[in-house]
Structure formats: C-alpha cells, structure tokens
PDB file of N, CA and C in Angstrom:
ATOM      1  N   MET A   1       1.924 -33.276 -25.785  1.00  0.00           N
ATOM      2  CA  MET A   1       1.066 -32.884 -24.734  1.00  0.00           C
ATOM      3  C   MET A   1       1.642 -31.751 -23.980  1.00  0.00           C
ATOM      4  N   ALA A   2       2.993 -31.754 -23.533  1.00  0.00           N
ATOM      5  CA  ALA A   2       3.398 -30.933 -22.213  1.00  0.00           C
ATOM      6  C   ALA A   2       3.958 -29.533 -23.242  1.00  0.00           C
ATOM      7  N   GLU A   3       4.441 -30.154 -24.369  1.00  0.00           N
ATOM      8  CA  GLU A   3       5.272 -29.153 -25.540  1.00  0.00           C
ATOM      9  C   GLU A   3       3.531 -28.372 -25.795  1.00  0.00           C
ATOM     10  N   ALA A   4       2.671 -28.804 -25.825  1.00  0.00           N
ATOM     11  CA  ALA A   4       1.242 -27.993 -26.631  1.00  0.00           C
ATOM     12  C   ALA A   4       1.295 -27.249 -24.911  1.00  0.00           C
ATOM     13  N   PHE A   5       1.042 -27.651 -23.756  1.00  0.00           N
ATOM     14  CA  PHE A   5       0.918 -26.772 -22.693  1.00  0.00           C
ATOM     15  C   PHE A   5       2.144 -25.859 -22.415  1.00  0.00           C
ATOM     16  N   VAL A   6       3.280 -25.616 -22.456  1.00  0.00           N
ATOM     17  CA  VAL A   6       3.848 -24.733 -22.757  1.00  0.00           C
ATOM     18  C   VAL A   6       4.097 -24.182 -23.719  1.00  0.00           C
ATOM     19  N   LEU A   7       3.952 -23.907 -24.701  1.00  0.00           N
ATOM     20  CA  LEU A   7       3.221 -23.341 -25.851  1.00  0.00           C
ATOM     21  C   LEU A   7       2.373 -21.887 -25.405  1.00  0.00           C
ATOM     22  N   ALA A   8       1.343 -23.134 -25.177  1.00  0.00           N
ATOM     23  CA  ALA A   8      -0.111 -22.092 -24.791  1.00  0.00           C
ATOM     24  C   ALA A   8       0.337 -20.984 -23.558  1.00  0.00           C
ATOM     25  N   ARG A   9       0.754 -21.635 -22.394  1.00  0.00           N
ATOM     26  CA  ARG A   9       0.959 -20.764 -21.343  1.00  0.00           C
ATOM     27  C   ARG A   9       2.048 -19.614 -22.277  1.00  0.00           C
ATOM     28  N   TYR A  10       3.315 -19.393 -22.676  1.00  0.00           N
ATOM     29  CA  TYR A  10       3.838 -18.805 -23.604  1.00  0.00           C
ATOM     30  C   TYR A  10       2.681 -17.664 -24.146  1.00  0.00           C
ATOM     31  N   HIS A  11       1.480 -17.994 -25.131  1.00  0.00           N
ATOM     32  CA  HIS A  11       1.338 -17.224 -25.846  1.00  0.00           C
ATOM     33  C   HIS A  11       0.057 -16.402 -24.587  1.00  0.00           C
ATOM     34  N   LEU A  12      -0.030 -17.476 -24.061  1.00  0.00           N
ATOM     35  CA  LEU A  12      -1.218 -16.739 -22.738  1.00  0.00           C
ATOM     36  C   LEU A  12      -0.213 -15.318 -22.308  1.00  0.00           C
ATOM     37  N   TYR A  13       1.036 -16.063 -21.488  1.00  0.00           N
ATOM     38  CA  TYR A  13       1.786 -15.148 -21.426  1.00  0.00           C
ATOM     39  C   TYR A  13       2.085 -13.338 -22.256  1.00  0.00           C
ATOM     40  N   GLU A  14       2.415 -13.459 -23.326  1.00  0.00           N
ATOM     41  CA  GLU A  14       2.771 -12.806 -24.214  1.00  0.00           C
ATOM     42  C   GLU A  14       1.372 -12.065 -25.044  1.00  0.00           C
ATOM     43  N   GLN A  15       0.506 -12.627 -24.913  1.00  0.00           N
ATOM     44  CA  GLN A  15      -0.908 -12.022 -25.037  1.00  0.00           C
ATOM     45  C   GLN A  15      -1.626 -11.143 -24.388  1.00  0.00           C
ATOM     46  N   VAL A  16      -1.485 -11.517 -22.839  1.00  0.00           N
ATOM     47  CA  VAL A  16      -2.500 -10.797 -22.167  1.00  0.00           C
ATOM     48  C   VAL A  16      -1.654 -10.450 -20.848  1.00  0.00           C
ATOM     49  N   HIS A  17      -0.239 -10.765 -20.632  1.00  0.00           N
ATOM     50  CA  HIS A  17       0.610 -10.092 -18.938  1.00  0.00           C
ATOM     51  C   HIS A  17       1.297  -9.277 -19.875  1.00  0.00           C
ATOM     52  N   LEU A  18       1.575  -9.209 -21.253  1.00  0.00           N
ATOM     53  CA  LEU A  18       2.540  -8.193 -21.505  1.00  0.00           C
ATOM     54  C   LEU A  18       1.768  -6.597 -22.686  1.00  0.00           C
ATOM     55  N   HIS A  19       0.472  -7.469 -22.538  1.00  0.00           N
ATOM     56  CA  HIS A  19      -0.191  -6.264 -23.325  1.00  0.00           C
ATOM     57  C   HIS A  19      -0.448  -4.920 -22.931  1.00  0.00           C
ATOM     58  N   LYS A  20      -0.313  -4.341 -23.865  1.00  0.00           N
ATOM     59  CA  LYS A  20      -0.027  -2.767 -23.377  1.00  0.00           C
ATOM     60  C   LYS A  20      -1.209  -2.437 -21.471  1.00  0.00           C
ATOM     61  N   THR A  21      -2.551  -2.714 -22.467  1.00  0.00           N
ATOM     62  CA  THR A  21      -3.341  -1.952 -21.718  1.00  0.00           C
ATOM     63  C   THR A  21      -3.380  -2.624 -20.461  1.00  0.00           C
ATOM     64  N   THR A  22      -3.108  -3.944 -20.021  1.00  0.00           N
ATOM     65  CA  THR A  22      -2.899  -4.665 -18.884  1.00  0.00           C
ATOM     66  C   THR A  22      -1.961  -3.988 -18.130  1.00  0.00           C
ATOM     67  N   ARG A  23      -0.570  -4.160 -19.140  1.00  0.00           N
ATOM     68  CA  ARG A  23       0.479  -3.217 -18.242  1.00  0.00           C
ATOM     69  C   ARG A  23       0.318  -2.035 -17.793  1.00  0.00           C
ATOM     70  N   GLY A  24      -0.961  -0.728 -18.696  1.00  0.00           N
ATOM     71  CA  GLY A  24      -1.084   0.357 -17.976  1.00  0.00           C
ATOM     72  C   GLY A  24      -1.719   0.284 -17.009  1.00  0.00           C
ATOM     73  N   MET A  25      -2.884  -0.572 -16.797  1.00  0.00           N
ATOM     74  CA  MET A  25      -3.315  -0.886 -15.680  1.00  0.00           C
ATOM     75  C   MET A  25      -2.695  -0.625 -14.249  1.00  0.00           C
ATOM     76  N   GLU A  26      -1.965  -1.908 -14.233  1.00  0.00           N
ATOM     77  CA  GLU A  26      -0.984  -2.503 -13.648  1.00  0.00           C
ATOM     78  C   GLU A  26      -0.159  -1.154 -12.987  1.00  0.00           C
ATOM     79  N   LYS A  27       0.182   0.059 -13.546  1.00  0.00           N
ATOM     80  CA  LYS A  27       0.928   0.995 -13.063  1.00  0.00           C
ATOM     81  C   LYS A  27      -0.324   1.764 -12.718  1.00  0.00           C
ATOM     82  N   LEU A  28      -1.278   2.220 -13.334  1.00  0.00           N
ATOM     83  CA  LEU A  28      -2.019   2.898 -12.752  1.00  0.00           C
ATOM     84  C   LEU A  28      -2.771   2.843 -11.389  1.00  0.00           C
ATOM     85  N   VAL A  29      -3.387   1.485 -11.259  1.00  0.00           N
ATOM     86  CA  VAL A  29      -3.399   0.865  -9.946  1.00  0.00           C
ATOM     87  C   VAL A  29      -2.162   1.112  -9.323  1.00  0.00           C
ATOM     88  N   GLY A  30      -1.616   0.979  -9.242  1.00  0.00           N
ATOM     89  CA  GLY A  30      -0.057   0.861  -8.738  1.00  0.00           C
ATOM     90  C   GLY A  30       0.096   2.323  -7.867  1.00  0.00           C
ATOM     91  N   LYS A  31      -0.101   3.217  -8.803  1.00  0.00           N
ATOM     92  CA  LYS A  31      -0.184   4.750  -8.239  1.00  0.00           C
ATOM     93  C   LYS A  31      -1.570   4.942  -7.446  1.00  0.00           C
ATOM     94  N   VAL A  32      -2.398   4.507  -8.038  1.00  0.00           N
ATOM     95  CA  VAL A  32      -3.630   5.073  -6.989  1.00  0.00           C
ATOM     96  C   VAL A  32      -3.394   4.173  -5.125  1.00  0.00           C
ATOM     97  N   LEU A  33      -2.431   3.368  -5.158  1.00  0.00           N
ATOM     98  CA  LEU A  33      -2.319   2.873  -4.068  1.00  0.00           C
ATOM     99  C   LEU A  33      -1.415   3.239  -3.396  1.00  0.00           C
ATOM    100  N   GLY A  34      -0.270   3.975  -4.586  1.00  0.00           N
ATOM    101  CA  GLY A  34       0.766   4.743  -3.907  1.00  0.00           C
ATOM    102  C   GLY A  34       0.329   5.808  -3.451  1.00  0.00           C
ATOM    103  N   GLN A  35      -0.905   6.597  -3.751  1.00  0.00           N
ATOM    104  CA  GLN A  35      -1.747   7.820  -3.019  1.00  0.00           C
ATOM    105  C   GLN A  35      -2.102   7.028  -1.593  1.00  0.00           C
ATOM    106  N   VAL A  36      -3.074   6.272  -1.654  1.00  0.00           N
ATOM    107  CA  VAL A  36      -3.410   5.605  -0.589  1.00  0.00           C
ATOM    108  C   VAL A  36      -2.378   5.352   0.251  1.00  0.00           C
ATOM    109  N   ALA A  37      -1.287   4.975  -0.175  1.00  0.00           N
ATOM    110  CA  ALA A  37       0.150   4.603   1.215  1.00  0.00           C
ATOM    111  C   ALA A  37       0.380   5.650   1.632  1.00  0.00           C
ATOM    112  N   SER A  38       0.920   6.863   0.590  1.00  0.00           N
ATOM    113  CA  SER A  38       1.415   7.847   1.320  1.00  0.00           C
ATOM    114  C   SER A  38       0.020   9.029   2.128  1.00  0.00           C
ATOM    115  N   ALA A  39      -0.963   8.723   2.138  1.00  0.00           N
ATOM    116  CA  ALA A  39      -1.826   9.234   3.043  1.00  0.00           C
ATOM    117  C   ALA A  39      -2.083   8.623   3.867  1.00  0.00           C
ATOM    118  N   ALA A  40      -1.086   7.723   3.901  1.00  0.00           N
ATOM    119  CA  ALA A  40      -2.193   6.295   4.899  1.00  0.00           C
ATOM    120  C   ALA A  40      -0.300   6.344   6.312  1.00  0.00           C
ATOM    121  N   ALA A  41       0.262   7.069   5.862  1.00  0.00           N
ATOM    122  CA  ALA A  41       1.682   6.905   6.189  1.00  0.00           C
ATOM    123  C   ALA A  41       1.276   8.056   6.998  1.00  0.00           C
ATOM    124  N   SER A  42       1.296   9.463   6.269  1.00  0.00           N
ATOM    125  CA  SER A  42       1.216  10.438   6.857  1.00  0.00           C
ATOM    126  C   SER A  42      -0.232  10.498   7.932  1.00  0.00           C
ATOM    127  N   GLY A  43      -1.038   9.982   8.186  1.00  0.00           N
ATOM    128  CA  GLY A  43      -1.999  10.395   8.908  1.00  0.00           C
ATOM    129  C   GLY A  43      -3.091  11.097   8.461  1.00  0.00           C
ATOM    130  N   GLU A  44      -3.509  11.384   7.067  1.00  0.00           N
ATOM    131  CA  GLU A  44      -3.973  12.629   6.532  1.00  0.00           C
ATOM    132  C   GLU A  44      -5.423  11.373   4.859  1.00  0.00           C
ATOM    133  N   ALA A  45      -5.603  10.211   5.676  1.00  0.00           N
ATOM    134  CA  ALA A  45      -6.648   9.537   4.682  1.00  0.00           C
ATOM    135  C   ALA A  45      -7.569  10.576   4.279  1.00  0.00           C
ATOM    136  N   GLY A  46      -8.272  11.340   5.548  1.00  0.00           N
ATOM    137  CA  GLY A  46      -9.119  12.130   5.162  1.00  0.00           C
ATOM    138  C   GLY A  46      -9.038  13.389   3.567  1.00  0.00           C
ATOM    139  N   ARG A  47      -7.827  13.038   3.678  1.00  0.00           N
ATOM    140  CA  ARG A  47      -7.851  14.020   2.112  1.00  0.00           C
ATOM    141  C   ARG A  47      -8.067  13.223   1.025  1.00  0.00           C
ATOM    142  N   ILE A  48      -8.244  12.407   0.862  1.00  0.00           N
ATOM    143  CA  ILE A  48      -8.465  11.236   0.115  1.00  0.00           C
ATOM    144  C   ILE A  48      -9.625  10.418   0.133  1.00  0.00           C
ATOM    145  N   ASP A  49     -10.456  11.050   0.950  1.00  0.00           N
ATOM    146  CA  ASP A  49     -11.824  10.885   1.347  1.00  0.00           C
ATOM    147  C   ASP A  49     -12.132   9.461   1.647  1.00  0.00           C
ATOM    148  N   LEU A  50     -10.945   8.983   2.234  1.00  0.00           N
ATOM    149  CA  LEU A  50     -10.932   7.560   3.189  1.00  0.00           C
ATOM    150  C   LEU A  50     -10.605   7.814   4.388  1.00  0.00           C
ATOM    151  N   ASP A  51     -11.220   7.267   5.616  1.00  0.00           N
ATOM    152  CA  ASP A  51     -11.487   7.049   6.742  1.00  0.00           C
ATOM    153  C   ASP A  51     -10.139   5.853   7.348  1.00  0.00           C
ATOM    154  N   GLY A  52      -9.721   6.100   8.411  1.00  0.00           N
ATOM    155  CA  GLY A  52      -8.906   5.354   9.025  1.00  0.00           C
ATOM    156  C   GLY A  52      -9.062   3.812   8.969  1.00  0.00           C
ATOM    157  N   ASN A  53     -10.379   3.704   9.081  1.00  0.00           N
ATOM    158  CA  ASN A  53     -10.951   2.346   9.501  1.00  0.00           C
ATOM    159  C   ASN A  53     -11.409   1.828   7.915  1.00  0.00           C
ATOM    160  N   ASP A  54     -10.325   2.396   7.055  1.00  0.00           N
ATOM    161  CA  ASP A  54     -10.589   1.412   5.616  1.00  0.00           C
ATOM    162  C   ASP A  54      -9.623   0.392   5.169  1.00  0.00           C
ATOM    163  N   PRO A  55      -9.992  -0.907   5.106  1.00  0.00           N
ATOM    164  CA  PRO A  55      -8.615  -1.743   4.210  1.00  0.00           C
ATOM    165  C   PRO A  55      -7.784  -1.098   4.352  1.00  0.00           C
ATOM    166  N   LEU A  56      -7.671  -0.614   3.043  1.00  0.00           N
ATOM    167  CA  LEU A  56      -6.251  -0.386   2.840  1.00  0.00           C
ATOM    168  C   LEU A  56      -5.550   0.681   3.340  1.00  0.00           C
ATOM    169  N   VAL A  57      -6.004   1.452   4.296  1.00  0.00           N
ATOM    170  CA  VAL A  57      -5.522   2.637   4.781  1.00  0.00           C
ATOM    171  C   VAL A  57      -4.765   1.801   6.322  1.00  0.00           C
ATOM    172  N   ARG A  58      -5.537   0.755   6.495  1.00  0.00           N
ATOM    173  CA  ARG A  58      -4.809  -0.128   7.581  1.00  0.00           C
ATOM    174  C   ARG A  58      -3.497  -0.674   7.080  1.00  0.00           C
ATOM    175  N   PHE A  59      -4.082  -1.068   5.866  1.00  0.00           N
ATOM    176  CA  PHE A  59      -2.971  -1.933   5.284  1.00  0.00           C
ATOM    177  C   PHE A  59      -1.625  -1.052   5.041  1.00  0.00           C
ATOM    178  N   PHE A  60      -2.014   0.085   4.448  1.00  0.00           N
ATOM    179  CA  PHE A  60      -0.803   1.046   4.507  1.00  0.00           C
ATOM    180  C   PHE A  60      -0.327   1.333   5.704  1.00  0.00           C
ATOM    181  N   GLY A  61      -1.295   1.420   7.112  1.00  0.00           N
ATOM    182  CA  GLY A  61      -0.561   2.273   7.960  1.00  0.00           C
ATOM    183  C   GLY A  61       0.246   1.385   8.970  1.00  0.00           C
ATOM    184  N   PRO A  62       0.977   2.085   9.691  1.00  0.00           N
ATOM    185  CA  PRO A  62       1.577   1.479  10.768  1.00  0.00           C
ATOM    186  C   PRO A  62       1.962   0.253  11.414  1.00  0.00           C
ATOM    187  N   ASN A  63       0.546  -0.273  11.314  1.00  0.00           N
ATOM    188  CA  ASN A  63       0.165  -1.699  12.320  1.00  0.00           C
ATOM    189  C   ASN A  63       0.015  -2.505  10.957  1.00  0.00           C
ATOM    190  N   GLY A  64       0.532  -2.200   9.984  1.00  0.00           N
ATOM    191  CA  GLY A  64      -0.549  -3.005   8.558  1.00  0.00           C
ATOM    192  C   GLY A  64       0.691  -4.343   7.782  1.00  0.00           C
ATOM    193  N   GLY A  65       1.604  -4.321   8.642  1.00  0.00           N
ATOM    194  CA  GLY A  65       1.900  -5.767   8.639  1.00  0.00           C
ATOM    195  C   GLY A  65       1.872  -7.061   8.998  1.00  0.00           C
ATOM    196  N   SER A  66       0.431  -7.208   9.826  1.00  0.00           N
ATOM    197  CA  SER A  66       0.111  -8.144  10.249  1.00  0.00           C
ATOM    198  C   SER A  66      -0.419  -8.948   9.548  1.00  0.00           C
ATOM    199  N   THR A  67      -0.558 -10.512   9.289  1.00  0.00           N
ATOM    200  CA  THR A  67      -1.114 -11.248   8.493  1.00  0.00           C
ATOM    201  C   THR A  67      -2.858 -11.044   8.140  1.00  0.00           C
ATOM    202  N   GLU A  68      -3.257 -10.535   9.342  1.00  0.00           N
ATOM    203  CA  GLU A  68      -4.897 -10.370   8.308  1.00  0.00           C
ATOM    204  C   GLU A  68      -4.721  -9.293   8.031  1.00  0.00           C
ATOM    205  N   ALA A  69      -4.270  -8.135   7.900  1.00  0.00           N
ATOM    206  CA  ALA A  69      -4.268  -6.999   7.099  1.00  0.00           C
ATOM    207  C   ALA A  69      -3.495  -7.692   5.672  1.00  0.00           C
ATOM    208  N   TYR A  70      -2.810  -8.424   5.352  1.00  0.00           N
ATOM    209  CA  TYR A  70      -2.184  -8.971   4.252  1.00  0.00           C
ATOM    210  C   TYR A  70      -3.155  -9.252   3.247  1.00  0.00           C
ATOM    211  N   PHE A  71      -3.695 -10.333   4.111  1.00  0.00           N
ATOM    212  CA  PHE A  71      -5.014 -11.359   3.417  1.00  0.00           C
ATOM    213  C   PHE A  71      -6.377 -10.799   3.282  1.00  0.00           C
ATOM    214  N   ASN A  72      -6.161  -9.247   3.959  1.00  0.00           N
ATOM    215  CA  ASN A  72      -7.493  -8.863   3.660  1.00  0.00           C
ATOM    216  C   ASN A  72      -7.942  -7.853   2.392  1.00  0.00           C
ATOM    217  N   PRO A  73      -7.115  -7.161   2.117  1.00  0.00           N
ATOM    218  CA  PRO A  73      -7.064  -6.360   0.754  1.00  0.00           C
ATOM    219  C   PRO A  73      -7.483  -7.086  -0.670  1.00  0.00           C
ATOM    220  N   ASP A  74      -8.549  -6.511  -1.445  1.00  0.00           N
ATOM    221  CA  ASP A  74      -8.987  -7.489  -2.275  1.00  0.00           C
ATOM    222  C   ASP A  74      -9.482  -6.247  -3.257  1.00  0.00           C
ATOM    223  N   ASP A  75      -9.811  -7.099  -4.660  1.00  0.00           N
ATOM    224  CA  ASP A  75     -10.097  -5.421  -6.011  1.00  0.00           C
ATOM    225  C   ASP A  75     -11.228  -5.045  -5.475  1.00  0.00           C
ATOM    226  N   THR A  76     -12.325  -5.745  -5.072  1.00  0.00           N
ATOM    227  CA  THR A  76     -13.201  -5.368  -3.828  1.00  0.00           C
ATOM    228  C   THR A  76     -12.935  -3.563  -3.468  1.00  0.00           C
ATOM    229  N   LEU A  77     -11.987  -4.552  -2.781  1.00  0.00           N
ATOM    230  CA  LEU A  77     -11.790  -2.720  -1.468  1.00  0.00           C
ATOM    231  C   LEU A  77     -11.111  -1.855  -2.305  1.00  0.00           C
ATOM    232  N   VAL A  78     -10.011  -1.674  -3.334  1.00  0.00           N
ATOM    233  CA  VAL A  78      -9.448  -1.231  -4.177  1.00  0.00           C
ATOM    234  C   VAL A  78     -10.453  -0.391  -4.980  1.00  0.00           C
ATOM    235  N   TRP A  79     -11.357  -1.592  -5.941  1.00  0.00           N
ATOM    236  CA  TRP A  79     -12.274  -0.330  -6.599  1.00  0.00           C
ATOM    237  C   TRP A  79     -13.574   0.819  -5.607  1.00  0.00           C
ATOM    238  N   ALA A  80     -13.312   0.280  -4.643  1.00  0.00           N
ATOM    239  CA  ALA A  80     -14.726   1.038  -3.759  1.00  0.00           C
ATOM    240  C   ALA A  80     -13.368   2.444  -3.194  1.00  0.00           C
ATOM    241  N   ALA A  81     -12.026   1.793  -2.825  1.00  0.00           N
ATOM    242  CA  ALA A  81     -11.726   2.971  -2.264  1.00  0.00           C
ATOM    243  C   ALA A  81     -11.432   4.181  -3.117  1.00  0.00           C
ATOM    244  N   ALA A  82     -11.196   3.606  -4.690  1.00  0.00           N
ATOM    245  CA  ALA A  82     -11.122   4.501  -5.848  1.00  0.00           C
ATOM    246  C   ALA A  82     -12.422   5.236  -5.887  1.00  0.00           C
ATOM    247  N   SER A  83     -13.525   4.514  -5.651  1.00  0.00           N
ATOM    248  CA  SER A  83     -14.753   5.241  -6.056  1.00  0.00           C
ATOM    249  C   SER A  83     -15.151   6.726  -5.143  1.00  0.00           C
ATOM    250  N   ARG A  84     -14.402   6.109  -4.266  1.00  0.00           N
ATOM    251  CA  ARG A  84     -14.351   7.704  -2.512  1.00  0.00           C
ATOM    252  C   ARG A  84     -13.220   8.537  -3.220  1.00  0.00           C
ATOM    253  N   MET A  85     -12.014   8.148  -3.569  1.00  0.00           N
ATOM    254  CA  MET A  85     -10.896   8.948  -3.997  1.00  0.00           C
ATOM    255  C   MET A  85     -11.441  10.042  -4.971  1.00  0.00           C
ATOM    256  N   ALA A  86     -12.080   9.587  -5.866  1.00  0.00           N
ATOM    257  CA  ALA A  86     -12.530  10.505  -7.083  1.00  0.00           C
ATOM    258  C   ALA A  86     -13.378  11.560  -6.681  1.00  0.00           C
ATOM    259  N   SER A  87     -13.463  11.397  -6.205  1.00  0.00           N
ATOM    260  CA  SER A  87     -14.523  12.854  -5.237  1.00  0.00           C
ATOM    261  C   SER A  87     -13.484  13.625  -4.171  1.00  0.00           C
ATOM    262  N   SER A  88     -12.443  13.086  -4.126  1.00  0.00           N
ATOM    263  CA  SER A  88     -11.454  13.588  -3.245  1.00  0.00           C
ATOM    264  C   SER A  88     -11.165  15.283  -3.595  1.00  0.00           C
ATOM    265  N   ASN A  89     -10.895  16.014  -2.886  1.00  0.00           N
ATOM    266  CA  ASN A  89     -10.227  17.129  -3.059  1.00  0.00           C
ATOM    267  C   ASN A  89      -8.852  17.295  -3.472  1.00  0.00           C
ATOM    268  N   ASP A  90      -8.474  15.933  -3.169  1.00  0.00           N
ATOM    269  CA  ASP A  90      -6.910  16.527  -3.525  1.00  0.00           C
ATOM    270  C   ASP A  90      -6.483  15.679  -5.064  1.00  0.00           C
ATOM    271  N   CYS A  91      -6.528  16.495  -5.916  1.00  0.00           N
ATOM    272  CA  CYS A  91      -6.223  16.707  -7.152  1.00  0.00           C
ATOM    273  C   CYS A  91      -5.429  15.191  -7.941  1.00  0.00           C
ATOM    274  N   ARG A  92      -4.457  14.910  -7.727  1.00  0.00           N
ATOM    275  CA  ARG A  92      -4.070  14.261  -8.023  1.00  0.00           C
ATOM    276  C   ARG A  92      -4.707  12.662  -8.108  1.00  0.00           C
ATOM    277  N   ALA A  93      -4.745  12.148  -6.472  1.00  0.00           N
ATOM    278  CA  ALA A  93      -5.527  11.377  -6.171  1.00  0.00           C
ATOM    279  C   ALA A  93      -6.828  11.110  -6.980  1.00  0.00           C
ATOM    280  N   SER A  94      -7.490  12.075  -6.689  1.00  0.00           N
ATOM    281  CA  SER A  94      -9.052  11.964  -7.722  1.00  0.00           C
ATOM    282  C   SER A  94      -8.981  11.556  -9.212  1.00  0.00           C
ATOM    283  N   THR A  95      -7.870  12.736  -9.626  1.00  0.00           N
ATOM    284  CA  THR A  95      -7.173  12.163 -10.919  1.00  0.00           C
ATOM    285  C   THR A  95      -7.466  11.219 -11.435  1.00  0.00           C
ATOM    286  N   LEU A  96      -6.053  10.316 -10.929  1.00  0.00           N
ATOM    287  CA  LEU A  96      -5.918   8.868 -10.957  1.00  0.00           C
ATOM    288  C   LEU A  96      -7.357   8.151 -10.423  1.00  0.00           C
ATOM    289  N   ALA A  97      -8.224   8.056  -9.728  1.00  0.00           N
ATOM    290  CA  ALA A  97      -8.922   7.307  -9.293  1.00  0.00           C
ATOM    291  C   ALA A  97      -9.891   7.489 -10.461  1.00  0.00           C
ATOM    292  N   ARG A  98     -10.230   8.510 -11.037  1.00  0.00           N
ATOM    293  CA  ARG A  98     -11.362   8.670 -12.246  1.00  0.00           C
ATOM    294  C   ARG A  98     -11.024   8.318 -13.447  1.00  0.00           C
ATOM    295  N   ARG A  99      -9.413   7.871 -13.781  1.00  0.00           N
ATOM    296  CA  ARG A  99      -9.412   7.094 -14.505  1.00  0.00           C
ATOM    297  C   ARG A  99      -9.147   6.036 -14.803  1.00  0.00           C
ATOM    298  N   LEU A 100      -9.255   5.238 -13.688  1.00  0.00           N
ATOM    299  CA  LEU A 100      -9.225   3.993 -13.095  1.00  0.00           C
ATOM    300  C   LEU A 100     -10.266   3.216 -14.143  1.00  0.00           C
ATOM    301  N   PRO A 101     -11.776   3.330 -13.900  1.00  0.00           N
ATOM    302  CA  PRO A 101     -12.950   2.806 -14.781  1.00  0.00           C
ATOM    303  C   PRO A 101     -12.771   2.768 -16.244  1.00  0.00           C
ATOM    304  N   GLY A 102     -12.044   4.107 -16.433  1.00  0.00           N
ATOM    305  CA  GLY A 102     -12.638   3.460 -17.761  1.00  0.00           C
ATOM    306  C   GLY A 102     -11.036   3.616 -18.348  1.00  0.00           C
ATOM    307  N   ARG A 103      -9.941   2.956 -18.181  1.00  0.00           N
ATOM    308  CA  ARG A 103      -9.177   2.296 -18.565  1.00  0.00           C
ATOM    309  C   ARG A 103      -8.336   3.860 -19.043  1.00  0.00           C
ATOM    310  N   GLU A 104      -8.100   4.911 -18.869  1.00  0.00           N
ATOM    311  CA  GLU A 104      -7.467   6.255 -19.601  1.00  0.00           C
ATOM    312  C   GLU A 104      -5.998   6.295 -18.480  1.00  0.00           C
ATOM    313  N   ARG A 105      -5.038   6.699 -19.426  1.00  0.00           N
ATOM    314  CA  ARG A 105      -3.975   6.582 -19.681  1.00  0.00           C
ATOM    315  C   ARG A 105      -3.669   7.741 -18.674  1.00  0.00           C
TER     316      ARG A 105
END
C-alpha cells in the first residue's frame, strides 16, 4: 500500500508538476507578479492600471511584510489584477497580462 502511494505521488509530480504547460504558466505568472512588484516598489502602480489600494500592490509595497498582507493574496486577486493590467498603457505589463488567460508563451 505504501509503495503504491509513493509511486502515485511520483507519477503525479512527473505528469503534472513537471509538465511543460505548468512550468510555462509558473514563469508567466512570475513575470506578471514581477511587473506588479516593480510598479509597487517605484510607487507607479497606476502605470499598470492598478491603484495603491490593490491587495497585490500593498503586498509588494514597502509595508507588505505583514502577516495579513502575506495571507491576503490569492489566485482571484492575481486574475483580477491581470485583467486590469491587460488594458494598461505599459506595453510589457499589458502583453504579459493578456497572455495569461490563453496560456500563450
């Protein structure tokens, strides 16, 4: 029984976590969050169509190290921020954000 469990976990990891689509999406989400972090650090969240009260901007902002800020962001906030970023005037941020829903490279 234990052997079956270990083998199942191994195959899950191999087939899902190491899949090229999963790894590509991880990179893309990381780049989108990098744009948010950059804008928050420079105080220019408006250039990517996010405001200073956005939970992701607060998370990456100067006081984002609190426990509340750490536990607040979830995938819904990331998708909402990406949706707003897709229409921003910042070419790099909008391009990355538009690629997320279609899983485009």
